[in-house]
Amino acid sequence: MRGKFVRAWDDGAGIDPTTGRALLSVQQDAVQEMTGSAYTTVADISTANAATGVFNTGTHTAGNVPSSSSVSGAYHELNFDASAVARTATETRPVNMAWNAIVRAA
């Protein structure tokens, strides 16, 4: 247990998103999944093809601009995805061990 956080074992209660976790099992650390996109005109983003790490580029598209964007005509898409460089999950958590706490009434 050295170097691990204690996480109360939920015994199937649904609080821990990892279903079927056994008592004393170790769960690796993770960052909550984050994704997003930015859209701009092709002329405004000349170096986007060099995107690395959590960033990647989409393709130039004529028309068919997402409705949430104010860009019109051809555009370039810049995507963000944390899972490209880190373990991701539905929650942010440290390395932890499922532990059963026993409480005695005095």
Protein backbone atom coordinates (compact mmCIF):
# COMPACT_ATOMS: atom_id res chain seq x y z
CA MET A 1 0.00 0.00 0.00
CA ARG A 2 3.02 2.26 0.19
CA GLY A 3 2.80 5.21 -2.24
CA LYS A 4 -0.90 4.76 -2.96
CA PHE A 5 -3.98 6.70 -1.95
CA VAL A 6 -6.74 4.84 -0.12
CA ARG A 7 -10.07 4.78 -1.94
CA ALA A 8 -13.05 3.37 -0.11
CA TRP A 9 -14.22 0.17 -1.79
CA ASP A 10 -17.76 0.81 -3.07
CA ASP A 11 -18.67 -2.91 -3.37
CA GLY A 12 -20.76 -2.32 -6.50
CA ALA A 13 -22.53 0.85 -5.29
CA GLY A 14 -21.66 2.65 -8.55
CA ILE A 15 -19.62 5.49 -7.03
CA ASP A 16 -16.33 4.18 -8.43
CA PRO A 17 -16.64 4.26 -12.25
CA THR A 18 -14.51 1.11 -12.58
CA THR A 19 -17.10 -1.66 -12.39
CA GLY A 20 -16.21 -4.91 -10.68
CA ARG A 21 -13.22 -3.63 -8.71
CA ALA A 22 -11.97 -6.15 -6.20
CA LEU A 23 -11.03 -5.33 -2.63
CA LEU A 24 -7.33 -4.28 -2.39
CA SER A 25 -7.09 -3.83 -6.19
CA VAL A 26 -4.86 -1.03 -7.47
CA GLN A 27 -6.21 1.59 -9.88
CA GLN A 28 -3.77 3.59 -12.02
CA ASP A 29 -3.76 7.38 -12.04
CA ALA A 30 -5.70 9.18 -14.77
CA VAL A 31 -6.73 12.62 -15.97
CA GLN A 32 -10.36 13.27 -16.84
CA GLU A 33 -10.80 13.11 -20.62
CA MET A 34 -10.77 16.54 -22.26
CA THR A 35 -11.36 17.18 -25.95
CA GLY A 36 -12.13 20.19 -28.05
CA SER A 37 -11.73 21.81 -31.45
CA ALA A 38 -11.00 25.28 -32.78
CA TYR A 39 -11.93 26.39 -36.30
CA THR A 40 -10.41 29.21 -38.29
CA THR A 41 -9.93 30.28 -41.88
CA VAL A 42 -7.11 28.48 -43.69
CA ALA A 43 -5.20 31.73 -44.23
CA ASP A 44 -5.04 32.39 -40.46
CA ILE A 45 -3.34 29.16 -39.47
CA SER A 46 -0.34 28.52 -41.69
CA THR A 47 1.71 26.50 -39.16
CA ALA A 48 -1.05 24.23 -37.83
CA ASN A 49 0.33 21.20 -39.68
CA ALA A 50 3.15 21.14 -37.11
CA ALA A 51 0.72 20.42 -34.22
CA THR A 52 2.04 17.84 -31.73
CA GLY A 53 1.22 16.37 -28.33
CA VAL A 54 -2.40 16.92 -27.33
CA PHE A 55 -3.02 18.87 -30.55
CA ASN A 56 -3.70 17.52 -34.04
CA THR A 57 -5.04 19.11 -37.18
CA GLY A 58 -8.14 18.36 -39.17
CA THR A 59 -8.50 18.78 -42.90
CA HIS A 60 -9.34 21.84 -44.97
CA THR A 61 -13.01 21.74 -45.83
CA ALA A 62 -15.01 23.94 -48.17
CA GLY A 63 -18.40 24.75 -46.69
CA ASN A 64 -19.74 22.36 -44.04
CA VAL A 65 -18.50 24.58 -41.20
CA PRO A 66 -19.76 23.49 -37.73
CA SER A 67 -22.82 25.49 -36.69
CA SER A 68 -21.11 26.67 -33.49
CA SER A 69 -18.36 28.39 -35.51
CA SER A 70 -18.34 31.92 -36.94
CA VAL A 71 -15.93 30.86 -39.72
CA SER A 72 -17.36 30.67 -43.23
CA GLY A 73 -16.06 29.01 -46.39
CA ALA A 74 -12.90 26.91 -46.23
CA TYR A 75 -11.53 26.40 -42.72
CA HIS A 76 -8.88 24.54 -40.77
CA GLU A 77 -9.60 22.49 -37.67
CA LEU A 78 -7.26 22.27 -34.66
CA ASN A 79 -8.21 19.45 -32.26
CA PHE A 80 -7.29 18.93 -28.60
CA ASP A 81 -7.31 15.42 -27.08
CA ALA A 82 -5.68 14.74 -23.70
CA SER A 83 -5.70 10.96 -24.32
CA ALA A 84 -2.96 11.44 -26.93
CA VAL A 85 -0.39 11.96 -24.16
CA ALA A 86 -1.88 10.77 -20.85
CA ARG A 87 -4.06 8.04 -19.33
CA THR A 88 -7.62 9.35 -19.31
CA ALA A 89 -10.81 8.27 -17.56
CA THR A 90 -14.20 9.67 -16.56
CA GLU A 91 -12.54 11.21 -13.47
CA THR A 92 -9.19 12.64 -12.37
CA ARG A 93 -7.56 10.39 -9.75
CA PRO A 94 -4.21 9.41 -8.20
CA VAL A 95 -2.92 5.83 -8.04
CA ASN A 96 -5.16 4.27 -5.41
CA MET A 97 -6.09 1.02 -3.69
CA ALA A 98 -9.63 -0.15 -2.92
CA TRP A 99 -9.84 -0.39 0.85
CA ASN A 100 -12.63 -1.58 3.14
CA ALA A 101 -12.91 0.58 6.23
CA ILE A 102 -14.43 -1.10 9.26
CA VAL A 103 -16.15 1.23 11.73
CA ARG A 104 -16.99 -0.06 15.19
CA ALA A 105 -19.62 1.56 17.35
CA ALA A 106 -18.39 2.18 20.88
